[in-house]
Amino acid sequence: MAIEEFIIKSSVGRVREYDAGDVVFSEGNLPNYYYQIIEGEVKLTNYDDDGKEAIQNIVTAGHSVGEFLLFIDKKYPANAIAISHCKILRISKLKFFKLLEDYPELKMDLIRNLSDSMFLKFVMRQILSIKDPATKLKVLMDHLKGTQDETTAFSFQIPLTRQQMASLTGMRVETTIRALKMMEKENIVKIRNRKIFY
C-alpha cells in the first residue's frame, strides 16, 4: 500500500533512514507503527536454533511491511531487516488509523495489499511443499515475474541473489546453484554476468 506524498506531508509521519543490516522491527515486539518503504529493500526473516536465517519475504519500495499486525495487536512473528540503504516512512498506529478514517480510498488499497500478502503466503507454502529444486525455483520465478510479458523469453531479470532464492525456497545455496545450472541447460533460464533471466 503506497500512501500518497501529500498524505505523508499532512501526517506527522517521519521518514527514517536505515543502512543495510539495520533492524526496522524485531520478532516478539508489539507493532506500534505503520512502515512504508520509500527507497530500498527490507527482508522479513526468522532464525532457527542453529542461527540459520529463513527469509519469509522481501519487501521493496512502494510497499508497506507488517501493517496487518496493527489490526490484531499480535507481536511481530519475524524480524524486518534492511537489505540495502532504505528510506522508510513511519507513522504511529493511532495516526495511521486516523489516516484511514480521513482518506477512505486508502482502505481499498490496504485490502488489496493484504490480499496480495495472503496470496504470497499461499505461493510460499506451495513452494515449501514441492520436493524438486527446479520446480521450487520455477514457481518462485513465476510469482516474481507476475503478469509481465509472458511471450518474451528471458526478458525478466530475477531481483534476488542465489542466497535469497535459497532462503525463500528452503533450500541450500549449493542446491539452488545446481538447479539453476540445470535449468539453464534446459533453456528455462539464462545466466548472464551472474544475473538470472527468466
Foldseek 3Di string as FASTA:
>chain_A
DADDPVLLVVFPWDKDKDAAFDWPDAFPAWDFKKKAWQAAKKWWWDADPVRDIATQDIDGHRGIPPPVRLVVRDTHHTIIGTRHITIMIIHTSVRVVVSCVVPVVVVVVVVVRVVVVVVSVVLLVVLQVDDDLLVSLVSVVCVVCDPPDPPDFQPDWPPDALCNSCSSNVHDSVSSVVSLVVCVVVVNWDADPNIITD
